[in-house]
């Protein structure tokens, strides 16, 4: 059963929707929307509408206060990612996060996967409170996991072997298709099909969804095994492709 998963993307302390592939620096950054509303306002909407499993992503520095406000507004209802490490993960859980989401900490500066870092994190929070973010970019051989705001490719491929090897170390996977993230040009259907063919633990896909039809496409392509986040296309984020109310209604219809 595919569900809509909400998000709160934070950049420089504000709720924004950004084209994911442009996050390298301020010169290349392309922003779709900057909200006048606070992170807590969005969290309260998700709480009131009983949306679960949403994620708060801190895109770079300057977002800690806004992240904490969102977690306080929806205790145990939101996952938190961005800069998560073994020495700060527990503090976010104590602040109200249901899970912490980890990407870059799992790799060294050159992008080599570090199993010791994963073990350290598991020791701090346990697999039941951990989401592994395998957000990726497409290359000639398929998909490669990317770190550092999706700018640095790692030595980890996104494939069935990787999903199998990490599934016992986390409660869920979160996967942004960084090449289409924020573009509202449609999902990476091939990636969704790959994720749906696996389906052993919960997986959330994000990237390119622009309509309820795309939400249905994720459901069909994954045989209901993959949830979907919609960001820039949503009316609450300045989009025109789909209304937040329709996404809430979708989840209610699935229940």
Foldseek 3Di string as FASTA:
>chain_A
DAAAAEEFEDDLQWGFAWQLVQLPDPVSTDTLFTDPDALLVVLLVCVVLVHAEHEYEYQDPNHVVSLLSSQQSHALGYEYEDPDFLVCQVVSNVSRHVAYEDEPQQAPPQQEGDVVRLVSNCVRPNQERYEYEQAWEQDPVGTFRADNSRHHGHPDGPALVVCVVCVVSHQEYEYEHSNQRSVLQADPLVVLLRCLVRLPHEYEYEGNNQAVVRQVSSCVSSVNRYYYYDDSQEVSRVHPRYYPVVSSVVNVVVD
